[in-house]
Amino acid sequence: MKAVGFLKSLPIDDADSLFDVDLPNPAPLADDLLVEIEAISINPADAKRRIRTAVDTPHDTPFILGYDAVGIVRETGPSVSGFQPGDRVWYAGDANRPGSYAALQCVDHRIAGPAPKTVAPESAAALPLTALTAWEMLFDRLRVPTDETPAKLLVIGGAGGVGSVTIQLARKLTGLDIIATASRPETEKWCLEMGAHTVVDHRNLVAGMHEAGHETVDYIVQYADTAQHWQAMCELVAPQGTIGTIVETSEKLDISALQGKSAALVWELMFTRSLFQTPDMHKQGRILARMARLVDDGIIKTTETKVLHGLSAGTLKEAHRLIETGAMIGKLVVRF
């Protein structure tokens, strides 16, 4: 099968940063779906992994990146239930296995779900990783009530992929008052379109929040830069509130700053369930099935904003260039 991989961490403009490769077709394990991929989404994690994982020591064989995918089931393993050949599925993958920059991919059926029926594959491909991350952050890590309980949520990085879905889920499924951060007119407009009640500038976060009438908030989600905003988050989180982040940092954080407020810091990594084969790993399939229904019912909008075409190193290099600018609104997808 055709795929795109890399051996060594190189700048994206280097000829060998990503290259076309032919690989044997993968064989599904007992719990796997073999999927013929139609479209994928490009995530910041793709570029980070390309840049960081083979700086000093090249990979022995071409490393295949890619998480989000939509495609058609071509074969199922003997332990699979709920899927059959011909089904269109979507998923965000497993960081321990070859990725979705390929014509065919094997994925554990427990972390896949039926794809939405009312949108094109490239539109659907924008959502799996960000939807799972946003859902798990809100409802598994922060434990936000799914009713009209009044509370405030600050979304730092509201115009990105995860922020865009977080705002939508919070607006449609909870009673939260949603404040999002943005620093450009176009990102402010996007956050409001996603459902934010208020938008503030992250470059002067505390002052902006106070000017908007928010002294503290019950929940903060951090999708931009944990260290940069740490002091502001500690100041803005309410007593007994919770800060959730998906952004790792090499800088030391003064977690004692949360002690006086009895506030909590929680982490969300969408890959935890598959990495550790947790007993509730199947919950990701259920979340994706619920998200597909929300899309088909017109409750959640796809966050696709740009589409590139073709499974090739050239196309995926262009995608990485765009992701590495850090200026994307919504999601970048590739239709094979």
Protein backbone atom coordinates (compact mmCIF):
# COMPACT_ATOMS: atom_id res chain seq x y z
CA MET A 1 0.00 0.00 0.00
CA LYS A 2 0.97 3.62 -0.42
CA ALA A 3 1.96 5.61 2.67
CA VAL A 4 3.93 8.68 3.75
CA GLY A 5 6.59 8.38 6.44
CA PHE A 6 9.82 9.75 7.84
CA LEU A 7 13.03 8.41 9.36
CA LYS A 8 14.71 11.44 10.94
CA SER A 9 13.43 14.63 12.54
CA LEU A 10 14.05 17.33 9.94
CA PRO A 11 12.66 20.78 9.11
CA ILE A 12 9.59 20.42 6.92
CA ASP A 13 11.31 22.09 3.95
CA ASP A 14 13.98 19.35 3.93
CA ALA A 15 13.45 16.93 1.05
CA ASP A 16 13.42 13.94 3.43
CA SER A 17 11.23 15.41 6.18
CA LEU A 18 8.37 13.30 4.79
CA PHE A 19 8.58 10.90 1.85
CA ASP A 20 6.39 8.50 -0.12
CA VAL A 21 6.81 4.81 0.68
CA ASP A 22 5.25 1.49 -0.36
CA LEU A 23 4.48 -0.89 2.52
CA PRO A 24 2.84 -4.31 2.85
CA ASN A 25 -0.88 -4.19 3.51
CA PRO A 26 -1.49 -4.42 7.27
CA ALA A 27 -3.16 -7.54 8.68
CA PRO A 28 -5.87 -6.97 11.31
CA LEU A 29 -5.47 -8.40 14.81
CA ALA A 30 -8.37 -10.03 16.63
CA ASP A 31 -9.96 -6.74 17.78
CA ASP A 32 -9.09 -4.74 14.66
CA LEU A 33 -10.85 -3.14 11.77
CA LEU A 34 -8.88 -2.90 8.52
CA VAL A 35 -9.90 0.48 7.12
CA GLU A 36 -9.41 1.93 3.64
CA ILE A 37 -8.85 5.58 4.46
CA GLU A 38 -10.77 8.31 2.65
CA ALA A 39 -9.72 11.41 4.58
CA ILE A 40 -7.56 12.44 7.52
CA SER A 41 -7.06 15.50 9.69
CA ILE A 42 -3.69 17.06 10.48
CA ASN A 43 -3.05 17.84 14.15
CA PRO A 44 -0.30 19.85 15.89
CA ALA A 45 0.69 16.51 17.45
CA ASP A 46 1.65 15.24 13.98
CA ALA A 47 4.24 17.98 13.55
CA LYS A 48 5.47 17.66 17.14
CA ARG A 49 6.05 13.94 16.71
CA ARG A 50 7.87 14.45 13.41
CA ILE A 51 10.08 17.12 14.94
CA ARG A 52 10.87 15.43 18.26
CA THR A 53 10.98 11.64 17.94
CA ALA A 54 14.07 11.09 15.77
CA VAL A 55 16.40 14.01 16.46
CA ASP A 56 19.50 11.98 17.34
CA THR A 57 18.54 8.45 16.36
CA PRO A 58 16.59 7.82 13.14
CA HIS A 59 13.71 5.37 13.12
CA ASP A 60 14.71 1.93 11.85
CA THR A 61 11.81 1.84 9.41
CA PRO A 62 9.63 4.63 8.00
CA PHE A 63 7.47 6.02 10.77
CA ILE A 64 3.87 6.60 9.68
CA LEU A 65 2.23 9.59 11.34
CA GLY A 66 -1.45 10.46 11.54
CA TYR A 67 -4.31 10.12 14.02
CA ASP A 68 -7.72 11.29 12.73
CA ALA A 69 -9.22 9.22 9.92
CA VAL A 70 -12.48 8.42 8.15
CA GLY A 71 -12.73 5.38 5.93
CA ILE A 72 -14.45 2.18 4.87
CA VAL A 73 -14.07 -1.10 6.76
CA ARG A 74 -12.61 -3.72 4.43
CA GLU A 75 -12.01 -6.54 6.93
CA THR A 76 -12.69 -7.31 10.59
CA GLY A 77 -10.81 -9.37 13.15
CA PRO A 78 -12.48 -12.43 14.72
CA SER A 79 -13.24 -10.66 18.03
CA VAL A 80 -14.88 -7.60 16.45
CA SER A 81 -18.54 -6.90 17.08
CA GLY A 82 -20.73 -4.04 15.92
CA PHE A 83 -18.92 -3.47 12.59
CA GLN A 84 -18.85 -5.20 9.23
CA PRO A 85 -17.12 -4.67 5.87
CA GLY A 86 -18.58 -1.69 4.04
CA ASP A 87 -19.21 0.41 7.16
CA ARG A 88 -17.86 3.95 7.16
CA VAL A 89 -16.05 4.63 10.43
CA TRP A 90 -14.10 7.41 12.09
CA TYR A 91 -11.48 7.34 14.81
CA ALA A 92 -8.48 9.15 16.29
CA GLY A 93 -6.16 6.17 16.44
CA ASP A 94 -3.60 4.79 18.83
CA ALA A 95 -0.21 6.48 19.39
CA ASN A 96 1.45 3.04 19.70
CA ARG A 97 0.50 1.92 16.19
CA PRO A 98 1.19 3.02 12.59
CA GLY A 99 -0.80 6.12 11.73
CA SER A 100 -3.27 7.28 9.13
CA TYR A 101 -0.87 8.70 6.49
CA ALA A 102 -1.58 5.50 4.58
CA ALA A 103 -4.05 3.91 2.18
CA LEU A 104 -4.94 1.21 4.73
CA GLN A 105 -4.81 1.17 8.52
CA CYS A 106 -5.68 -1.23 11.31
CA VAL A 107 -7.51 0.21 14.32
CA ASP A 108 -8.98 -1.42 17.42
CA HIS A 109 -12.76 -1.43 16.98
CA ARG A 110 -13.25 -0.26 20.59
CA ILE A 111 -11.83 3.18 19.76
CA ALA A 112 -13.72 3.58 16.47
CA GLY A 113 -17.29 4.62 15.82
CA PRO A 114 -19.75 4.90 12.95
CA ALA A 115 -18.98 8.07 10.99
CA PRO A 116 -21.59 10.80 10.54
CA LYS A 117 -23.87 10.20 7.56
CA THR A 118 -24.75 13.80 6.70
CA VAL A 119 -21.29 15.25 6.02
CA ALA A 120 -18.52 14.39 3.56
CA PRO A 121 -15.60 12.24 4.76
CA GLU A 122 -13.25 15.25 4.75
CA SER A 123 -15.63 17.21 6.95
CA ALA A 124 -16.01 14.31 9.37
CA ALA A 125 -12.22 13.79 9.50
CA ALA A 126 -11.82 17.16 11.23
CA LEU A 127 -13.46 15.94 14.42
CA PRO A 128 -12.45 12.61 16.02
CA LEU A 129 -9.33 13.59 17.98
CA THR A 130 -10.60 17.01 18.98
CA ALA A 131 -14.07 15.68 19.81
CA LEU A 132 -12.69 12.93 22.03
CA THR A 133 -10.30 15.34 23.73
CA ALA A 134 -13.00 17.95 24.32
CA TRP A 135 -15.54 15.40 25.54
CA GLU A 136 -13.10 13.70 27.90
CA MET A 137 -11.89 17.06 29.21
CA LEU A 138 -15.36 18.38 29.96
CA PHE A 139 -17.12 15.28 31.18
CA ASP A 140 -14.41 12.84 32.36
CA ARG A 141 -11.74 15.17 33.77
CA LEU A 142 -13.64 18.33 34.81
CA ARG A 143 -16.87 16.37 35.44
CA VAL A 144 -19.02 19.21 34.19
CA PRO A 145 -22.73 18.50 34.80
CA THR A 146 -24.74 17.86 31.63
CA ASP A 147 -27.67 19.99 32.78
CA GLU A 148 -28.42 23.65 33.32
CA THR A 149 -26.29 23.99 36.47
CA PRO A 150 -24.88 27.55 36.25
CA ALA A 151 -21.09 27.86 36.21
CA LYS A 152 -18.36 29.57 34.20
CA LEU A 153 -15.88 28.01 31.77
CA LEU A 154 -12.78 29.74 30.38
CA VAL A 155 -11.43 28.17 27.17
CA ILE A 156 -7.85 29.27 26.51
CA GLY A 157 -7.18 28.67 22.81
CA GLY A 158 -10.80 28.83 21.71
CA ALA A 159 -10.23 29.00 17.94
CA GLY A 160 -8.12 25.86 17.68
CA GLY A 161 -9.45 22.41 16.93
CA VAL A 162 -10.04 21.26 20.51
CA GLY A 163 -11.23 24.67 21.65
CA SER A 164 -13.77 24.83 18.82
CA VAL A 165 -15.38 21.54 19.84
CA THR A 166 -15.17 22.29 23.56
CA ILE A 167 -17.11 25.52 23.06
CA GLN A 168 -19.78 23.75 21.01
CA LEU A 169 -20.23 20.88 23.48
CA ALA A 170 -20.34 23.24 26.44
CA ARG A 171 -22.89 25.50 24.74
CA LYS A 172 -25.17 22.68 23.55
CA LEU A 173 -24.95 20.16 26.41
CA THR A 174 -24.36 22.22 29.58
CA GLY A 175 -25.49 25.38 31.31
CA LEU A 176 -22.01 26.92 31.35
CA ASP A 177 -21.28 30.58 30.69
CA ILE A 178 -18.44 30.22 28.15
CA ILE A 179 -15.56 32.69 27.86
CA ALA A 180 -13.02 31.97 25.10
CA THR A 181 -9.65 33.57 24.35
CA ALA A 182 -8.68 34.95 20.96
CA SER A 183 -6.39 37.76 19.80
CA ARG A 184 -7.43 38.43 16.19
CA PRO A 185 -10.74 39.61 14.72
CA GLU A 186 -11.10 36.41 12.71
CA THR A 187 -10.47 34.14 15.72
CA GLU A 188 -12.81 36.18 17.90
CA LYS A 189 -15.52 35.84 15.24
CA TRP A 190 -14.92 32.09 15.01
CA CYS A 191 -15.22 31.59 18.79
CA LEU A 192 -18.52 33.45 18.85
CA GLU A 193 -19.78 31.36 15.93
CA MET A 194 -18.86 28.20 17.84
CA GLY A 195 -20.99 29.37 20.76
CA ALA A 196 -18.83 31.38 23.16
CA HIS A 197 -20.77 33.98 25.14
CA THR A 198 -17.72 36.23 25.56
CA VAL A 199 -14.26 36.50 23.97
CA VAL A 200 -11.23 38.03 25.71
CA ASP A 201 -7.64 38.62 24.58
CA HIS A 202 -5.25 36.02 25.98
CA ARG A 203 -2.34 38.48 25.80
CA ASN A 204 -3.66 40.31 28.90
CA LEU A 205 -5.86 37.60 30.28
CA VAL A 206 -6.53 38.67 33.85
CA ALA A 207 -7.27 42.29 32.93
CA GLY A 208 -9.42 41.17 30.00
CA MET A 209 -11.44 38.81 32.20
CA HIS A 210 -11.98 41.48 34.84
CA GLU A 211 -13.03 44.03 32.21
CA ALA A 212 -15.55 41.49 30.91
CA GLY A 213 -16.98 41.15 34.42
CA HIS A 214 -15.44 37.82 35.38
CA GLU A 215 -13.38 37.84 38.59
CA THR A 216 -13.10 34.05 38.72
CA VAL A 217 -14.38 31.02 36.80
CA ASP A 218 -15.32 27.53 37.97
CA TYR A 219 -13.51 25.72 35.16
CA ILE A 220 -10.51 26.58 32.98
CA VAL A 221 -9.35 24.52 30.00
CA GLN A 222 -5.90 25.22 28.65
CA TYR A 223 -5.27 24.41 24.98
CA ALA A 224 -2.48 26.90 24.22
CA ASP A 225 0.49 27.30 26.61
CA THR A 226 0.27 25.97 30.16
CA ALA A 227 3.37 27.70 31.52
CA GLN A 228 2.63 31.04 29.89
CA HIS A 229 -0.83 31.25 31.43
CA TRP A 230 -0.19 29.45 34.72
CA GLN A 231 -0.11 32.51 36.97
CA ALA A 232 -3.22 33.94 35.32
CA MET A 233 -5.07 30.65 35.65
CA CYS A 234 -4.22 30.38 39.35
CA GLU A 235 -5.56 33.89 39.85
CA LEU A 236 -8.72 33.33 37.80
CA VAL A 237 -9.78 29.87 38.98
CA ALA A 238 -12.52 30.01 41.58
CA PRO A 239 -12.16 28.51 45.06
CA GLN A 240 -12.70 24.74 44.66
CA GLY A 241 -12.51 25.18 40.89
CA THR A 242 -10.60 23.05 38.39
CA ILE A 243 -7.97 23.74 35.73
CA GLY A 244 -7.63 21.19 32.92
CA THR A 245 -4.80 21.16 30.39
CA ILE A 246 -3.66 19.13 27.40
CA VAL A 247 -0.38 21.03 26.93
CA GLU A 248 2.80 19.53 28.35
CA THR A 249 5.50 21.88 29.63
CA SER A 250 9.17 21.49 30.59
CA GLU A 251 8.89 24.47 32.94
CA LYS A 252 8.19 23.94 36.61
CA LEU A 253 4.74 25.00 37.78
CA ASP A 254 4.03 26.27 41.28
CA ILE A 255 1.13 23.95 42.04
CA SER A 256 1.12 25.20 45.64
CA ALA A 257 -0.50 28.35 44.22
CA LEU A 258 -3.71 26.30 44.05
CA GLN A 259 -3.63 25.16 47.67
CA GLY A 260 -5.37 28.13 49.28
CA LYS A 261 -8.32 27.76 46.90
CA SER A 262 -8.44 23.96 47.19
CA ALA A 263 -8.38 24.09 43.40
CA ALA A 264 -7.47 21.09 41.22
CA LEU A 265 -5.23 20.58 38.20
CA VAL A 266 -6.19 17.73 35.85
CA TRP A 267 -4.62 16.42 32.65
CA GLU A 268 -6.32 15.13 29.54
CA LEU A 269 -4.57 12.95 26.99
CA MET A 270 -6.90 11.36 24.47
CA PHE A 271 -4.47 8.47 23.96
CA THR A 272 -4.42 7.35 27.62
CA ARG A 273 -7.16 4.77 27.21
CA SER A 274 -5.52 3.06 24.22
CA LEU A 275 -1.95 3.45 25.50
CA PHE A 276 -2.80 1.65 28.75
CA GLN A 277 -5.61 -0.58 27.41
CA THR A 278 -7.81 0.68 30.23
CA PRO A 279 -10.95 -1.30 31.10
CA ASP A 280 -13.08 1.57 29.79
CA MET A 281 -11.22 1.84 26.49
CA HIS A 282 -14.48 1.07 24.67
CA LYS A 283 -15.89 4.37 25.96
CA GLN A 284 -14.11 6.19 23.12
CA GLY A 285 -16.15 4.25 20.58
CA ARG A 286 -19.31 5.27 22.42
CA ILE A 287 -18.26 8.92 22.51
CA LEU A 288 -17.61 8.87 18.76
CA ALA A 289 -21.00 7.27 18.14
CA ARG A 290 -22.65 10.01 20.22
CA MET A 291 -20.67 12.71 18.38
CA ALA A 292 -21.76 11.28 15.03
CA ARG A 293 -25.39 11.60 16.11
CA LEU A 294 -24.79 15.17 17.28
CA VAL A 295 -23.32 16.02 13.87
CA ASP A 296 -26.13 14.30 11.97
CA ASP A 297 -28.72 16.11 14.12
CA GLY A 298 -27.11 19.48 13.33
CA ILE A 299 -26.16 20.11 16.97
CA ILE A 300 -22.38 20.03 16.44
CA LYS A 301 -20.76 21.62 13.39
CA THR A 302 -17.67 20.28 11.69
CA THR A 303 -14.58 22.43 12.29
CA GLU A 304 -13.01 21.78 8.87
CA THR A 305 -11.68 25.07 7.46
CA LYS A 306 -9.16 23.97 4.80
CA VAL A 307 -8.93 20.88 2.57
CA LEU A 308 -5.86 19.59 0.73
CA HIS A 309 -5.99 16.67 -1.69
CA GLY A 310 -3.97 13.51 -2.23
CA LEU A 311 -2.03 10.93 -0.22
CA SER A 312 1.47 12.16 -1.06
CA ALA A 313 4.53 13.55 0.68
CA GLY A 314 4.05 16.84 -1.15
CA THR A 315 0.52 17.30 0.15
CA LEU A 316 1.42 16.33 3.70
CA LYS A 317 4.47 18.61 3.73
CA GLU A 318 2.20 21.50 2.80
CA ALA A 319 -0.15 20.47 5.60
CA HIS A 320 2.70 20.44 8.14
CA ARG A 321 3.88 23.87 6.95
CA LEU A 322 0.43 25.26 7.63
CA ILE A 323 0.13 23.59 11.03
CA GLU A 324 3.55 24.82 12.11
CA THR A 325 2.52 28.46 11.63
CA GLY A 326 0.34 28.10 14.73
CA ALA A 327 -2.25 30.35 13.06
CA MET A 328 -4.81 27.75 11.92
CA ILE A 329 -8.43 28.36 12.76
CA GLY A 330 -10.42 25.15 13.06
CA LYS A 331 -8.98 22.08 11.35
CA LEU A 332 -6.93 21.24 8.25
CA VAL A 333 -7.92 18.02 6.49
CA VAL A 334 -6.59 15.95 3.60
CA ARG A 335 -8.87 14.03 1.25
CA PHE A 336 -7.11 11.03 -0.29
